[in-house]
């Protein structure tokens, strides 16, 4: 969540940051509430490996979507940490 939030803060327009951060936090809440029972159901009926395979597949899909939709932003390197 920390990496996602830092990307969001650095890449999002200032006017949309608060709304986008709220959306990310809400999504994590929904995933926590819906994800646990779903993984428990899959593990019970299809074996523990089915849940881990589904998580891996979803992470791969997310990686491809992130790589496709996050724009190439110029990197600003600051050596001043004051």
C-alpha atoms as a PDB file:
ATOM      1  CA  UNK A   1       0.000   0.000   0.000  1.00  0.00           C
ATOM      2  CA  UNK A   2       2.891   2.356   0.708  1.00  0.00           C
ATOM      3  CA  UNK A   3       4.341   2.116  -2.795  1.00  0.00           C
ATOM      4  CA  UNK A   4       0.925   2.640  -4.354  1.00  0.00           C
ATOM      5  CA  UNK A   5       0.258   5.683  -2.207  1.00  0.00           C
ATOM      6  CA  UNK A   6       3.626   7.236  -2.998  1.00  0.00           C
ATOM      7  CA  UNK A   7       3.062   6.709  -6.724  1.00  0.00           C
ATOM      8  CA  UNK A   8      -0.404   8.164  -6.408  1.00  0.00           C
ATOM      9  CA  UNK A   9       0.819  11.236  -4.567  1.00  0.00           C
ATOM     10  CA  UNK A  10       3.649  11.886  -7.012  1.00  0.00           C
ATOM     11  CA  UNK A  11       1.725  11.254 -10.254  1.00  0.00           C
ATOM     12  CA  UNK A  12      -1.823  12.435  -9.546  1.00  0.00           C
ATOM     13  CA  UNK A  13      -2.920  15.995 -10.204  1.00  0.00           C
ATOM     14  CA  UNK A  14      -3.215  18.007  -6.997  1.00  0.00           C
ATOM     15  CA  UNK A  15      -6.962  18.499  -7.439  1.00  0.00           C
ATOM     16  CA  UNK A  16      -7.591  14.722  -7.573  1.00  0.00           C
ATOM     17  CA  UNK A  17      -5.170  13.434  -4.918  1.00  0.00           C
ATOM     18  CA  UNK A  18      -7.585  13.331  -1.988  1.00  0.00           C
ATOM     19  CA  UNK A  19     -10.264  11.553  -3.996  1.00  0.00           C
ATOM     20  CA  UNK A  20      -7.784   9.034  -5.400  1.00  0.00           C
ATOM     21  CA  UNK A  21      -6.273   8.297  -1.985  1.00  0.00           C
ATOM     22  CA  UNK A  22      -9.769   7.730  -0.568  1.00  0.00           C
ATOM     23  CA  UNK A  23     -10.521   5.339  -3.440  1.00  0.00           C
ATOM     24  CA  UNK A  24      -7.346   3.327  -2.802  1.00  0.00           C
ATOM     25  CA  UNK A  25      -8.065   3.061   0.929  1.00  0.00           C
ATOM     26  CA  UNK A  26     -11.673   2.021   0.232  1.00  0.00           C
ATOM     27  CA  UNK A  27     -10.475  -0.612  -2.254  1.00  0.00           C
ATOM     28  CA  UNK A  28      -8.143  -2.118   0.346  1.00  0.00           C
ATOM     29  CA  UNK A  29     -11.045  -2.311   2.792  1.00  0.00           C
ATOM     30  CA  UNK A  30     -13.289  -4.044   0.256  1.00  0.00           C
ATOM     31  CA  UNK A  31     -10.556  -6.501  -0.684  1.00  0.00           C
ATOM     32  CA  UNK A  32      -9.955  -7.321   2.971  1.00  0.00           C
ATOM     33  CA  UNK A  33     -13.643  -7.937   3.633  1.00  0.00           C
ATOM     34  CA  UNK A  34     -14.444  -9.862   0.429  1.00  0.00           C
ATOM     35  CA  UNK A  35     -11.080 -11.497  -0.158  1.00  0.00           C
ATOM     36  CA  UNK A  36     -10.769 -13.542   3.013  1.00  0.00           C
ATOM     37  CA  UNK A  37     -14.070 -15.436   2.657  1.00  0.00           C
ATOM     38  CA  UNK A  38     -13.386 -15.993  -1.046  1.00  0.00           C
ATOM     39  CA  UNK A  39      -9.937 -17.427  -0.400  1.00  0.00           C
ATOM     40  CA  UNK A  40     -11.298 -19.574   2.435  1.00  0.00           C
ATOM     41  CA  UNK A  41     -14.018 -20.929   0.131  1.00  0.00           C
ATOM     42  CA  UNK A  42     -11.517 -21.732  -2.623  1.00  0.00           C
ATOM     43  CA  UNK A  43      -9.130 -23.374  -0.170  1.00  0.00           C
ATOM     44  CA  UNK A  44     -11.885 -25.487   1.346  1.00  0.00           C
ATOM     45  CA  UNK A  45     -13.358 -26.710  -1.931  1.00  0.00           C
ATOM     46  CA  UNK A  46     -10.384 -26.816  -4.300  1.00  0.00           C
ATOM     47  CA  UNK A  47      -7.309 -27.043  -2.068  1.00  0.00           C
ATOM     48  CA  UNK A  48      -4.991 -24.404  -0.629  1.00  0.00           C
ATOM     49  CA  UNK A  49      -3.049 -24.071  -3.885  1.00  0.00           C
ATOM     50  CA  UNK A  50      -6.093 -22.725  -5.744  1.00  0.00           C
ATOM     51  CA  UNK A  51      -6.193 -19.615  -3.549  1.00  0.00           C
ATOM     52  CA  UNK A  52      -2.489 -18.898  -4.021  1.00  0.00           C
ATOM     53  CA  UNK A  53      -2.773 -19.437  -7.776  1.00  0.00           C
ATOM     54  CA  UNK A  54      -5.683 -17.016  -7.978  1.00  0.00           C
ATOM     55  CA  UNK A  55      -3.756 -14.400  -6.002  1.00  0.00           C
ATOM     56  CA  UNK A  56      -0.763 -14.881  -8.294  1.00  0.00           C
ATOM     57  CA  UNK A  57      -2.938 -14.527 -11.389  1.00  0.00           C
ATOM     58  CA  UNK A  58      -4.581 -11.370 -10.055  1.00  0.00           C
ATOM     59  CA  UNK A  59      -1.159  -9.903  -9.211  1.00  0.00           C
ATOM     60  CA  UNK A  60       0.069 -10.650 -12.730  1.00  0.00           C
ATOM     61  CA  UNK A  61      -2.988  -8.955 -14.233  1.00  0.00           C
ATOM     62  CA  UNK A  62      -2.470  -5.959 -11.929  1.00  0.00           C
ATOM     63  CA  UNK A  63       1.201  -5.742 -12.928  1.00  0.00           C
ATOM     64  CA  UNK A  64       0.299  -5.677 -16.619  1.00  0.00           C
ATOM     65  CA  UNK A  65      -2.369  -3.028 -16.054  1.00  0.00           C
ATOM     66  CA  UNK A  66      -0.011  -0.894 -13.968  1.00  0.00           C
ATOM     67  CA  UNK A  67       2.745  -1.152 -16.572  1.00  0.00           C
ATOM     68  CA  UNK A  68       0.300  -0.172 -19.292  1.00  0.00           C
ATOM     69  CA  UNK A  69      -1.466   2.720 -17.606  1.00  0.00           C
ATOM     70  CA  UNK A  70       1.111   4.506 -15.451  1.00  0.00           C
ATOM     71  CA  UNK A  71       2.706   7.171 -17.613  1.00  0.00           C
ATOM     72  CA  UNK A  72       6.445   7.521 -17.908  1.00  0.00           C
ATOM     73  CA  UNK A  73       7.083  10.347 -15.488  1.00  0.00           C
ATOM     74  CA  UNK A  74      10.361  12.217 -15.420  1.00  0.00           C
ATOM     75  CA  UNK A  75      12.304  11.361 -12.306  1.00  0.00           C
ATOM     76  CA  UNK A  76      13.146  14.226 -10.029  1.00  0.00           C
ATOM     77  CA  UNK A  77      16.148  13.415  -7.907  1.00  0.00           C
ATOM     78  CA  UNK A  78      16.759  15.696  -5.012  1.00  0.00           C
ATOM     79  CA  UNK A  79      19.901  15.473  -2.939  1.00  0.00           C
ATOM     80  CA  UNK A  80      18.630  18.116  -0.529  1.00  0.00           C
ATOM     81  CA  UNK A  81      16.669  16.449   2.285  1.00  0.00           C
ATOM     82  CA  UNK A  82      16.015  19.552   4.345  1.00  0.00           C
END
